[in-house]
Amino acid sequence: QVQAFNLNNQGRYAEALPVAQRAVELCQGSTQVSPCAYALYE
């Protein structure tokens, strides 16, 4: 999630996409705001 956040903030959206997607996959079913809510946003 942090890596996706940094990539998005650097304008590297295509690189952030699979990173954030993997974070979201790992968060399936989780109720943890950090990192899961943030991963969905990124």
PDB file of all heavy atoms in Angstrom:
ATOM      1  N   GLN A   1       0.835  -1.210   0.000  1.00  0.00           N
ATOM      2  CA  GLN A   1       0.000   0.000   0.000  1.00  0.00           C
ATOM      3  C   GLN A   1       0.864   1.252   0.000  1.00  0.00           C
ATOM      4  O   GLN A   1       0.618   2.188  -0.747  1.00  0.00           O
ATOM      5  CB  GLN A   1      -0.949  -0.020   1.207  1.00  0.00           C
ATOM      6  CG  GLN A   1      -1.866   1.187   1.297  1.00  0.00           C
ATOM      7  CD  GLN A   1      -1.265   2.350   2.052  1.00  0.00           C
ATOM      8  OE1 GLN A   1      -0.683   2.172   3.109  1.00  0.00           O
ATOM      9  NE2 GLN A   1      -1.421   3.545   1.520  1.00  0.00           N
ATOM     10  N   VAL A   2       1.903   1.256   0.823  1.00  0.00           N
ATOM     11  CA  VAL A   2       2.810   2.418   0.879  1.00  0.00           C
ATOM     12  C   VAL A   2       3.518   2.590  -0.462  1.00  0.00           C
ATOM     13  O   VAL A   2       3.655   3.709  -0.959  1.00  0.00           O
ATOM     14  CB  VAL A   2       3.812   2.274   2.043  1.00  0.00           C
ATOM     15  CG1 VAL A   2       4.919   3.311   1.957  1.00  0.00           C
ATOM     16  CG2 VAL A   2       3.085   2.373   3.378  1.00  0.00           C
ATOM     17  N   GLN A   3       3.933   1.488  -1.053  1.00  0.00           N
ATOM     18  CA  GLN A   3       4.601   1.565  -2.358  1.00  0.00           C
ATOM     19  C   GLN A   3       3.647   2.144  -3.410  1.00  0.00           C
ATOM     20  O   GLN A   3       4.032   3.010  -4.196  1.00  0.00           O
ATOM     21  CB  GLN A   3       5.087   0.180  -2.774  1.00  0.00           C
ATOM     22  CG  GLN A   3       5.886   0.186  -4.063  1.00  0.00           C
ATOM     23  CD  GLN A   3       6.361  -1.202  -4.473  1.00  0.00           C
ATOM     24  OE1 GLN A   3       6.077  -2.197  -3.815  1.00  0.00           O
ATOM     25  NE2 GLN A   3       7.073  -1.264  -5.571  1.00  0.00           N
ATOM     26  N   ALA A   4       2.393   1.692  -3.405  1.00  0.00           N
ATOM     27  CA  ALA A   4       1.410   2.217  -4.360  1.00  0.00           C
ATOM     28  C   ALA A   4       1.161   3.702  -4.121  1.00  0.00           C
ATOM     29  O   ALA A   4       1.061   4.484  -5.072  1.00  0.00           O
ATOM     30  CB  ALA A   4       0.101   1.422  -4.254  1.00  0.00           C
ATOM     31  N   PHE A   5       1.044   4.094  -2.861  1.00  0.00           N
ATOM     32  CA  PHE A   5       0.864   5.503  -2.499  1.00  0.00           C
ATOM     33  C   PHE A   5       2.013   6.339  -3.067  1.00  0.00           C
ATOM     34  O   PHE A   5       1.787   7.373  -3.710  1.00  0.00           O
ATOM     35  CB  PHE A   5       0.801   5.633  -0.971  1.00  0.00           C
ATOM     36  CG  PHE A   5       0.850   7.035  -0.455  1.00  0.00           C
ATOM     37  CD1 PHE A   5      -0.302   7.811  -0.413  1.00  0.00           C
ATOM     38  CD2 PHE A   5       2.035   7.589   0.006  1.00  0.00           C
ATOM     39  CE1 PHE A   5      -0.267   9.113   0.083  1.00  0.00           C
ATOM     40  CE2 PHE A   5       2.083   8.884   0.499  1.00  0.00           C
ATOM     41  CZ  PHE A   5       0.930   9.643   0.533  1.00  0.00           C
ATOM     42  N   ASN A   6       3.238   5.887  -2.851  1.00  0.00           N
ATOM     43  CA  ASN A   6       4.405   6.634  -3.335  1.00  0.00           C
ATOM     44  C   ASN A   6       4.430   6.704  -4.857  1.00  0.00           C
ATOM     45  O   ASN A   6       4.699   7.765  -5.431  1.00  0.00           O
ATOM     46  CB  ASN A   6       5.692   6.015  -2.790  1.00  0.00           C
ATOM     47  CG  ASN A   6       5.869   6.256  -1.311  1.00  0.00           C
ATOM     48  OD1 ASN A   6       5.393   7.253  -0.761  1.00  0.00           O
ATOM     49  ND2 ASN A   6       6.532   5.341  -0.630  1.00  0.00           N
ATOM     50  N   LEU A   7       4.140   5.598  -5.516  1.00  0.00           N
ATOM     51  CA  LEU A   7       4.124   5.592  -6.984  1.00  0.00           C
ATOM     52  C   LEU A   7       3.038   6.521  -7.527  1.00  0.00           C
ATOM     53  O   LEU A   7       3.280   7.281  -8.470  1.00  0.00           O
ATOM     54  CB  LEU A   7       3.927   4.165  -7.510  1.00  0.00           C
ATOM     55  CG  LEU A   7       5.123   3.229  -7.327  1.00  0.00           C
ATOM     56  CD1 LEU A   7       4.719   1.777  -7.576  1.00  0.00           C
ATOM     57  CD2 LEU A   7       6.280   3.632  -8.234  1.00  0.00           C
ATOM     58  N   ASN A   8       1.848   6.467  -6.943  1.00  0.00           N
ATOM     59  CA  ASN A   8       0.781   7.375  -7.378  1.00  0.00           C
ATOM     60  C   ASN A   8       1.203   8.826  -7.202  1.00  0.00           C
ATOM     61  O   ASN A   8       0.976   9.659  -8.081  1.00  0.00           O
ATOM     62  CB  ASN A   8      -0.517   7.109  -6.602  1.00  0.00           C
ATOM     63  CG  ASN A   8      -1.387   6.042  -7.227  1.00  0.00           C
ATOM     64  OD1 ASN A   8      -1.313   5.785  -8.423  1.00  0.00           O
ATOM     65  ND2 ASN A   8      -2.208   5.417  -6.417  1.00  0.00           N
ATOM     66  N   ASN A   9       1.813   9.137  -6.074  1.00  0.00           N
ATOM     67  CA  ASN A   9       2.230  10.515  -5.808  1.00  0.00           C
ATOM     68  C   ASN A   9       3.360  10.969  -6.720  1.00  0.00           C
ATOM     69  O   ASN A   9       3.552  12.165  -6.897  1.00  0.00           O
ATOM     70  CB  ASN A   9       2.612  10.692  -4.343  1.00  0.00           C
ATOM     71  CG  ASN A   9       1.386  10.734  -3.452  1.00  0.00           C
ATOM     72  OD1 ASN A   9       0.263  10.868  -3.923  1.00  0.00           O
ATOM     73  ND2 ASN A   9       1.598  10.609  -2.165  1.00  0.00           N
ATOM     74  N   GLN A  10       4.087  10.026  -7.305  1.00  0.00           N
ATOM     75  CA  GLN A  10       5.144  10.357  -8.259  1.00  0.00           C
ATOM     76  C   GLN A  10       4.604  10.401  -9.689  1.00  0.00           C
ATOM     77  O   GLN A  10       5.364  10.609 -10.634  1.00  0.00           O
ATOM     78  CB  GLN A  10       6.268   9.310  -8.175  1.00  0.00           C
ATOM     79  CG  GLN A  10       7.017   9.316  -6.870  1.00  0.00           C
ATOM     80  CD  GLN A  10       7.894   8.071  -6.706  1.00  0.00           C
ATOM     81  OE1 GLN A  10       8.127   7.319  -7.646  1.00  0.00           O
ATOM     82  NE2 GLN A  10       8.371   7.853  -5.490  1.00  0.00           N
ATOM     83  N   GLY A  11       3.297  10.176  -9.847  1.00  0.00           N
ATOM     84  CA  GLY A  11       2.714  10.182 -11.184  1.00  0.00           C
ATOM     85  C   GLY A  11       2.962   8.899 -11.950  1.00  0.00           C
ATOM     86  O   GLY A  11       2.738   8.839 -13.160  1.00  0.00           O
ATOM     87  N   ARG A  12       3.381   7.850 -11.265  1.00  0.00           N
ATOM     88  CA  ARG A  12       3.706   6.567 -11.902  1.00  0.00           C
ATOM     89  C   ARG A  12       2.524   5.603 -11.710  1.00  0.00           C
ATOM     90  O   ARG A  12       2.641   4.553 -11.103  1.00  0.00           O
ATOM     91  CB  ARG A  12       5.006   6.033 -11.308  1.00  0.00           C
ATOM     92  CG  ARG A  12       6.177   6.947 -11.615  1.00  0.00           C
ATOM     93  CD  ARG A  12       7.380   6.715 -10.747  1.00  0.00           C
ATOM     94  NE  ARG A  12       7.907   5.368 -10.869  1.00  0.00           N
ATOM     95  CZ  ARG A  12       8.879   4.904 -10.101  1.00  0.00           C
ATOM     96  NH1 ARG A  12       9.416   5.659  -9.156  1.00  0.00           N
ATOM     97  NH2 ARG A  12       9.312   3.660 -10.245  1.00  0.00           N
ATOM     98  N   TYR A  13       1.376   5.999 -12.264  1.00  0.00           N
ATOM     99  CA  TYR A  13       0.116   5.300 -12.024  1.00  0.00           C
ATOM    100  C   TYR A  13       0.115   3.876 -12.569  1.00  0.00           C
ATOM    101  O   TYR A  13      -0.425   2.972 -11.930  1.00  0.00           O
ATOM    102  CB  TYR A  13      -1.054   6.097 -12.616  1.00  0.00           C
ATOM    103  CG  TYR A  13      -0.998   7.563 -12.273  1.00  0.00           C
ATOM    104  CD1 TYR A  13      -0.872   8.523 -13.268  1.00  0.00           C
ATOM    105  CD2 TYR A  13      -1.037   7.995 -10.943  1.00  0.00           C
ATOM    106  CE1 TYR A  13      -0.799   9.871 -12.961  1.00  0.00           C
ATOM    107  CE2 TYR A  13      -0.965   9.342 -10.628  1.00  0.00           C
ATOM    108  CZ  TYR A  13      -0.844  10.272 -11.646  1.00  0.00           C
ATOM    109  OH  TYR A  13      -0.767  11.599 -11.328  1.00  0.00           O
ATOM    110  N   ALA A  14       0.695   3.669 -13.731  1.00  0.00           N
ATOM    111  CA  ALA A  14       0.723   2.322 -14.316  1.00  0.00           C
ATOM    112  C   ALA A  14       1.543   1.369 -13.454  1.00  0.00           C
ATOM    113  O   ALA A  14       1.234   0.174 -13.372  1.00  0.00           O
ATOM    114  CB  ALA A  14       1.276   2.369 -15.740  1.00  0.00           C
ATOM    115  N   GLU A  15       2.570   1.881 -12.809  1.00  0.00           N
ATOM    116  CA  GLU A  15       3.367   1.048 -11.901  1.00  0.00           C
ATOM    117  C   GLU A  15       2.637   0.827 -10.577  1.00  0.00           C
ATOM    118  O   GLU A  15       2.759  -0.233  -9.963  1.00  0.00           O
ATOM    119  CB  GLU A  15       4.726   1.696 -11.635  1.00  0.00           C
ATOM    120  CG  GLU A  15       5.636   1.723 -12.845  1.00  0.00           C
ATOM    121  CD  GLU A  15       6.910   2.501 -12.559  1.00  0.00           C
ATOM    122  OE1 GLU A  15       7.675   2.068 -11.673  1.00  0.00           O
ATOM    123  OE2 GLU A  15       7.126   3.542 -13.207  1.00  0.00           O
ATOM    124  N   ALA A  16       1.885   1.825 -10.144  1.00  0.00           N
ATOM    125  CA  ALA A  16       1.148   1.715  -8.879  1.00  0.00           C
ATOM    126  C   ALA A  16       0.008   0.711  -8.987  1.00  0.00           C
ATOM    127  O   ALA A  16      -0.324   0.037  -8.001  1.00  0.00           O
ATOM    128  CB  ALA A  16       0.595   3.082  -8.467  1.00  0.00           C
ATOM    129  N   LEU A  17      -0.572   0.590 -10.171  1.00  0.00           N
ATOM    130  CA  LEU A  17      -1.771  -0.222 -10.349  1.00  0.00           C
ATOM    131  C   LEU A  17      -1.603  -1.672  -9.881  1.00  0.00           C
ATOM    132  O   LEU A  17      -2.373  -2.128  -9.024  1.00  0.00           O
ATOM    133  CB  LEU A  17      -2.230  -0.150 -11.807  1.00  0.00           C
ATOM    134  CG  LEU A  17      -3.559  -0.802 -12.138  1.00  0.00           C
ATOM    135  CD1 LEU A  17      -4.706  -0.173 -11.366  1.00  0.00           C
ATOM    136  CD2 LEU A  17      -3.815  -0.702 -13.639  1.00  0.00           C
ATOM    137  N   PRO A  18      -0.627  -2.442 -10.380  1.00  0.00           N
ATOM    138  CA  PRO A  18      -0.529  -3.836  -9.931  1.00  0.00           C
ATOM    139  C   PRO A  18      -0.110  -3.964  -8.468  1.00  0.00           C
ATOM    140  O   PRO A  18      -0.485  -4.921  -7.797  1.00  0.00           O
ATOM    141  CB  PRO A  18       0.516  -4.456 -10.870  1.00  0.00           C
ATOM    142  CG  PRO A  18       1.314  -3.293 -11.375  1.00  0.00           C
ATOM    143  CD  PRO A  18       0.369  -2.123 -11.409  1.00  0.00           C
ATOM    144  N   VAL A  19       0.635  -2.990  -7.981  1.00  0.00           N
ATOM    145  CA  VAL A  19       1.061  -3.010  -6.580  1.00  0.00           C
ATOM    146  C   VAL A  19      -0.152  -2.830  -5.667  1.00  0.00           C
ATOM    147  O   VAL A  19      -0.368  -3.595  -4.714  1.00  0.00           O
ATOM    148  CB  VAL A  19       2.133  -1.925  -6.316  1.00  0.00           C
ATOM    149  CG1 VAL A  19       2.514  -1.868  -4.849  1.00  0.00           C
ATOM    150  CG2 VAL A  19       3.364  -2.171  -7.190  1.00  0.00           C
ATOM    151  N   ALA A  20      -0.963  -1.828  -5.983  1.00  0.00           N
ATOM    152  CA  ALA A  20      -2.174  -1.586  -5.191  1.00  0.00           C
ATOM    153  C   ALA A  20      -3.146  -2.755  -5.325  1.00  0.00           C
ATOM    154  O   ALA A  20      -3.787  -3.153  -4.348  1.00  0.00           O
ATOM    155  CB  ALA A  20      -2.830  -0.285  -5.630  1.00  0.00           C
ATOM    156  N   GLN A  21      -3.255  -3.304  -6.528  1.00  0.00           N
ATOM    157  CA  GLN A  21      -4.157  -4.438  -6.743  1.00  0.00           C
ATOM    158  C   GLN A  21      -3.748  -5.620  -5.866  1.00  0.00           C
ATOM    159  O   GLN A  21      -4.593  -6.273  -5.261  1.00  0.00           O
ATOM    160  CB  GLN A  21      -4.142  -4.846  -8.217  1.00  0.00           C
ATOM    161  CG  GLN A  21      -5.095  -5.987  -8.531  1.00  0.00           C
ATOM    162  CD  GLN A  21      -5.126  -6.320 -10.009  1.00  0.00           C
ATOM    163  OE1 GLN A  21      -4.201  -6.019 -10.760  1.00  0.00           O
ATOM    164  NE2 GLN A  21      -6.197  -6.943 -10.450  1.00  0.00           N
ATOM    165  N   ARG A  22      -2.462  -5.884  -5.765  1.00  0.00           N
ATOM    166  CA  ARG A  22      -1.984  -6.988  -4.922  1.00  0.00           C
ATOM    167  C   ARG A  22      -2.288  -6.701  -3.454  1.00  0.00           C
ATOM    168  O   ARG A  22      -2.702  -7.601  -2.715  1.00  0.00           O
ATOM    169  CB  ARG A  22      -0.483  -7.210  -5.145  1.00  0.00           C
ATOM    170  CG  ARG A  22       0.098  -8.313  -4.315  1.00  0.00           C
ATOM    171  CD  ARG A  22      -0.431  -9.676  -4.738  1.00  0.00           C
ATOM    172  NE  ARG A  22       0.176 -10.698  -3.896  1.00  0.00           N
ATOM    173  CZ  ARG A  22      -0.465 -11.735  -3.379  1.00  0.00           C
ATOM    174  NH1 ARG A  22      -1.738 -11.929  -3.665  1.00  0.00           N
ATOM    175  NH2 ARG A  22       0.158 -12.595  -2.618  1.00  0.00           N
ATOM    176  N   ALA A  23      -2.106  -5.478  -3.019  1.00  0.00           N
ATOM    177  CA  ALA A  23      -2.429  -5.122  -1.633  1.00  0.00           C
ATOM    178  C   ALA A  23      -3.911  -5.357  -1.357  1.00  0.00           C
ATOM    179  O   ALA A  23      -4.289  -5.894  -0.309  1.00  0.00           O
ATOM    180  CB  ALA A  23      -2.045  -3.677  -1.344  1.00  0.00           C
ATOM    181  N   VAL A  24      -4.770  -4.969  -2.300  1.00  0.00           N
ATOM    182  CA  VAL A  24      -6.213  -5.165  -2.158  1.00  0.00           C
ATOM    183  C   VAL A  24      -6.529  -6.658  -2.083  1.00  0.00           C
ATOM    184  O   VAL A  24      -7.332  -7.097  -1.256  1.00  0.00           O
ATOM    185  CB  VAL A  24      -6.977  -4.472  -3.312  1.00  0.00           C
ATOM    186  CG1 VAL A  24      -8.434  -4.916  -3.364  1.00  0.00           C
ATOM    187  CG2 VAL A  24      -6.878  -2.961  -3.169  1.00  0.00           C
ATOM    188  N   GLU A  25      -5.887  -7.450  -2.935  1.00  0.00           N
ATOM    189  CA  GLU A  25      -6.107  -8.902  -2.907  1.00  0.00           C
ATOM    190  C   GLU A  25      -5.746  -9.481  -1.536  1.00  0.00           C
ATOM    191  O   GLU A  25      -6.474 -10.321  -0.999  1.00  0.00           O
ATOM    192  CB  GLU A  25      -5.280  -9.592  -3.990  1.00  0.00           C
ATOM    193  CG  GLU A  25      -5.781  -9.332  -5.393  1.00  0.00           C
ATOM    194  CD  GLU A  25      -4.797  -9.769  -6.471  1.00  0.00           C
ATOM    195  OE1 GLU A  25      -3.694 -10.281  -6.141  1.00  0.00           O
ATOM    196  OE2 GLU A  25      -5.120  -9.579  -7.660  1.00  0.00           O
ATOM    197  N   LEU A  26      -4.643  -9.038  -0.977  1.00  0.00           N
ATOM    198  CA  LEU A  26      -4.204  -9.530   0.327  1.00  0.00           C
ATOM    199  C   LEU A  26      -5.117  -9.068   1.450  1.00  0.00           C
ATOM    200  O   LEU A  26      -5.123  -9.656   2.528  1.00  0.00           O
ATOM    201  CB  LEU A  26      -2.756  -9.094   0.600  1.00  0.00           C
ATOM    202  CG  LEU A  26      -1.711  -9.752  -0.294  1.00  0.00           C
ATOM    203  CD1 LEU A  26      -0.361  -9.062  -0.127  1.00  0.00           C
ATOM    204  CD2 LEU A  26      -1.593 -11.244   0.003  1.00  0.00           C
ATOM    205  N   CYS A  27      -5.889  -8.031   1.205  1.00  0.00           N
ATOM    206  CA  CYS A  27      -6.792  -7.474   2.217  1.00  0.00           C
ATOM    207  C   CYS A  27      -8.210  -8.030   2.133  1.00  0.00           C
ATOM    208  O   CYS A  27      -9.074  -7.605   2.904  1.00  0.00           O
ATOM    209  CB  CYS A  27      -6.845  -5.949   2.073  1.00  0.00           C
ATOM    210  SG  CYS A  27      -5.433  -5.113   2.783  1.00  0.00           S
ATOM    211  N   GLN A  28      -8.468  -8.946   1.225  1.00  0.00           N
ATOM    212  CA  GLN A  28      -9.829  -9.467   1.076  1.00  0.00           C
ATOM    213  C   GLN A  28     -10.352  -9.935   2.430  1.00  0.00           C
ATOM    214  O   GLN A  28      -9.699 -10.703   3.123  1.00  0.00           O
ATOM    215  CB  GLN A  28      -9.867 -10.620   0.076  1.00  0.00           C
ATOM    216  CG  GLN A  28      -9.757 -10.193  -1.365  1.00  0.00           C
ATOM    217  CD  GLN A  28     -10.860  -9.237  -1.809  1.00  0.00           C
ATOM    218  OE1 GLN A  28     -11.942  -9.180  -1.268  1.00  0.00           O
ATOM    219  NE2 GLN A  28     -10.540  -8.465  -2.826  1.00  0.00           N
ATOM    220  N   GLY A  29     -11.521  -9.437   2.796  1.00  0.00           N
ATOM    221  CA  GLY A  29     -12.162  -9.839   4.040  1.00  0.00           C
ATOM    222  C   GLY A  29     -11.654  -9.138   5.285  1.00  0.00           C
ATOM    223  O   GLY A  29     -12.187  -9.339   6.367  1.00  0.00           O
ATOM    224  N   SER A  30     -10.631  -8.319   5.160  1.00  0.00           N
ATOM    225  CA  SER A  30     -10.068  -7.631   6.319  1.00  0.00           C
ATOM    226  C   SER A  30     -10.873  -6.380   6.659  1.00  0.00           C
ATOM    227  O   SER A  30     -11.401  -5.714   5.777  1.00  0.00           O
ATOM    228  CB  SER A  30      -8.618  -7.226   6.048  1.00  0.00           C
ATOM    229  OG  SER A  30      -8.114  -6.450   7.117  1.00  0.00           O
ATOM    230  N   THR A  31     -10.933  -6.070   7.943  1.00  0.00           N
ATOM    231  CA  THR A  31     -11.577  -4.832   8.392  1.00  0.00           C
ATOM    232  C   THR A  31     -10.546  -3.808   8.857  1.00  0.00           C
ATOM    233  O   THR A  31     -10.906  -2.801   9.441  1.00  0.00           O
ATOM    234  CB  THR A  31     -12.557  -5.132   9.541  1.00  0.00           C
ATOM    235  OG1 THR A  31     -11.838  -5.759  10.602  1.00  0.00           O
ATOM    236  CG2 THR A  31     -13.687  -6.034   9.080  1.00  0.00           C
ATOM    237  N   GLN A  32      -9.273  -4.051   8.578  1.00  0.00           N
ATOM    238  CA  GLN A  32      -8.216  -3.121   8.983  1.00  0.00           C
ATOM    239  C   GLN A  32      -8.198  -1.915   8.063  1.00  0.00           C
ATOM    240  O   GLN A  32      -7.996  -2.044   6.857  1.00  0.00           O
ATOM    241  CB  GLN A  32      -6.851  -3.791   8.945  1.00  0.00           C
ATOM    242  CG  GLN A  32      -6.641  -4.845   9.996  1.00  0.00           C
ATOM    243  CD  GLN A  32      -5.214  -5.361   9.934  1.00  0.00           C
ATOM    244  OE1 GLN A  32      -4.750  -5.808   8.902  1.00  0.00           O
ATOM    245  NE2 GLN A  32      -4.527  -5.262  11.056  1.00  0.00           N
ATOM    246  N   VAL A  33      -8.399  -0.748   8.664  1.00  0.00           N
ATOM    247  CA  VAL A  33      -8.350   0.489   7.879  1.00  0.00           C
ATOM    248  C   VAL A  33      -6.974   0.633   7.252  1.00  0.00           C
ATOM    249  O   VAL A  33      -6.850   0.903   6.059  1.00  0.00           O
ATOM    250  CB  VAL A  33      -8.708   1.704   8.761  1.00  0.00           C
ATOM    251  CG1 VAL A  33      -8.414   3.007   8.036  1.00  0.00           C
ATOM    252  CG2 VAL A  33     -10.176   1.639   9.175  1.00  0.00           C
ATOM    253  N   SER A  34      -5.937   0.468   8.061  1.00  0.00           N
ATOM    254  CA  SER A  34      -4.575   0.527   7.540  1.00  0.00           C
ATOM    255  C   SER A  34      -4.031  -0.896   7.541  1.00  0.00           C
ATOM    256  O   SER A  34      -3.981  -1.522   8.598  1.00  0.00           O
ATOM    257  CB  SER A  34      -3.702   1.414   8.424  1.00  0.00           C
ATOM    258  OG  SER A  34      -2.390   1.441   7.930  1.00  0.00           O
ATOM    259  N   PRO A  35      -3.719  -1.415   6.394  1.00  0.00           N
ATOM    260  CA  PRO A  35      -3.535  -0.784   5.091  1.00  0.00           C
ATOM    261  C   PRO A  35      -4.709  -0.937   4.129  1.00  0.00           C
ATOM    262  O   PRO A  35      -4.670  -0.420   3.028  1.00  0.00           O
ATOM    263  CB  PRO A  35      -2.343  -1.550   4.540  1.00  0.00           C
ATOM    264  CG  PRO A  35      -2.583  -2.956   5.017  1.00  0.00           C
ATOM    265  CD  PRO A  35      -3.169  -2.784   6.409  1.00  0.00           C
ATOM    266  N   CYS A  36      -5.751  -1.661   4.529  1.00  0.00           N
ATOM    267  CA  CYS A  36      -6.733  -2.120   3.539  1.00  0.00           C
ATOM    268  C   CYS A  36      -7.598  -1.008   2.944  1.00  0.00           C
ATOM    269  O   CYS A  36      -7.803  -0.973   1.733  1.00  0.00           O
ATOM    270  CB  CYS A  36      -7.570  -3.238   4.143  1.00  0.00           C
ATOM    271  SG  CYS A  36      -6.519  -4.667   4.566  1.00  0.00           S
ATOM    272  N   ALA A  37      -8.110  -0.105   3.773  1.00  0.00           N
ATOM    273  CA  ALA A  37      -8.897   1.003   3.224  1.00  0.00           C
ATOM    274  C   ALA A  37      -8.021   1.860   2.323  1.00  0.00           C
ATOM    275  O   ALA A  37      -8.454   2.295   1.245  1.00  0.00           O
ATOM    276  CB  ALA A  37      -9.482   1.845   4.364  1.00  0.00           C
ATOM    277  N   TYR A  38      -6.791   2.071   2.756  1.00  0.00           N
ATOM    278  CA  TYR A  38      -5.877   2.907   1.980  1.00  0.00           C
ATOM    279  C   TYR A  38      -5.477   2.224   0.668  1.00  0.00           C
ATOM    280  O   TYR A  38      -5.306   2.886  -0.361  1.00  0.00           O
ATOM    281  CB  TYR A  38      -4.648   3.254   2.809  1.00  0.00           C
ATOM    282  CG  TYR A  38      -4.995   3.888   4.136  1.00  0.00           C
ATOM    283  CD1 TYR A  38      -4.267   3.604   5.276  1.00  0.00           C
ATOM    284  CD2 TYR A  38      -6.086   4.753   4.259  1.00  0.00           C
ATOM    285  CE1 TYR A  38      -4.604   4.182   6.504  1.00  0.00           C
ATOM    286  CE2 TYR A  38      -6.423   5.328   5.477  1.00  0.00           C
ATOM    287  CZ  TYR A  38      -5.671   5.036   6.591  1.00  0.00           C
ATOM    288  OH  TYR A  38      -6.012   5.603   7.791  1.00  0.00           O
ATOM    289  N   ALA A  39      -5.328   0.897   0.701  1.00  0.00           N
ATOM    290  CA  ALA A  39      -4.992   0.158  -0.520  1.00  0.00           C
ATOM    291  C   ALA A  39      -6.122   0.285  -1.541  1.00  0.00           C
ATOM    292  O   ALA A  39      -5.864   0.474  -2.735  1.00  0.00           O
ATOM    293  CB  ALA A  39      -4.718  -1.305  -0.190  1.00  0.00           C
ATOM    294  N   LEU A  40      -7.368   0.187  -1.084  1.00  0.00           N
ATOM    295  CA  LEU A  40      -8.503   0.358  -1.995  1.00  0.00           C
ATOM    296  C   LEU A  40      -8.477   1.741  -2.644  1.00  0.00           C
ATOM    297  O   LEU A  40      -8.716   1.884  -3.845  1.00  0.00           O
ATOM    298  CB  LEU A  40      -9.825   0.144  -1.249  1.00  0.00           C
ATOM    299  CG  LEU A  40     -10.199  -1.303  -0.957  1.00  0.00           C
ATOM    300  CD1 LEU A  40     -11.299  -1.365   0.094  1.00  0.00           C
ATOM    301  CD2 LEU A  40     -10.629  -2.019  -2.234  1.00  0.00           C
ATOM    302  N   TYR A  41      -8.184   2.757  -1.846  1.00  0.00           N
ATOM    303  CA  TYR A  41      -8.132   4.126  -2.370  1.00  0.00           C
ATOM    304  C   TYR A  41      -7.031   4.259  -3.427  1.00  0.00           C
ATOM    305  O   TYR A  41      -7.254   4.809  -4.514  1.00  0.00           O
ATOM    306  CB  TYR A  41      -7.906   5.118  -1.223  1.00  0.00           C
ATOM    307  CG  TYR A  41      -7.867   6.549  -1.686  1.00  0.00           C
ATOM    308  CD1 TYR A  41      -9.048   7.275  -1.820  1.00  0.00           C
ATOM    309  CD2 TYR A  41      -6.670   7.180  -1.993  1.00  0.00           C
ATOM    310  CE1 TYR A  41      -9.024   8.600  -2.248  1.00  0.00           C
ATOM    311  CE2 TYR A  41      -6.634   8.494  -2.425  1.00  0.00           C
ATOM    312  CZ  TYR A  41      -7.813   9.191  -2.550  1.00  0.00           C
ATOM    313  OH  TYR A  41      -7.784  10.500  -2.990  1.00  0.00           O
ATOM    314  N   GLU A  42      -5.840   3.757  -3.115  1.00  0.00           N
ATOM    315  CA  GLU A  42      -4.720   3.867  -4.066  1.00  0.00           C
ATOM    316  C   GLU A  42      -5.002   3.071  -5.333  1.00  0.00           C
ATOM    317  O   GLU A  42      -4.656   3.507  -6.438  1.00  0.00           O
ATOM    318  CB  GLU A  42      -3.410   3.404  -3.419  1.00  0.00           C
ATOM    319  CG  GLU A  42      -2.937   4.279  -2.275  1.00  0.00           C
ATOM    320  CD  GLU A  42      -2.786   5.750  -2.606  1.00  0.00           C
ATOM    321  OE1 GLU A  42      -2.471   6.102  -3.771  1.00  0.00           O
ATOM    322  OE2 GLU A  42      -2.982   6.579  -1.696  1.00  0.00           O
TER     323      GLU A  42
END
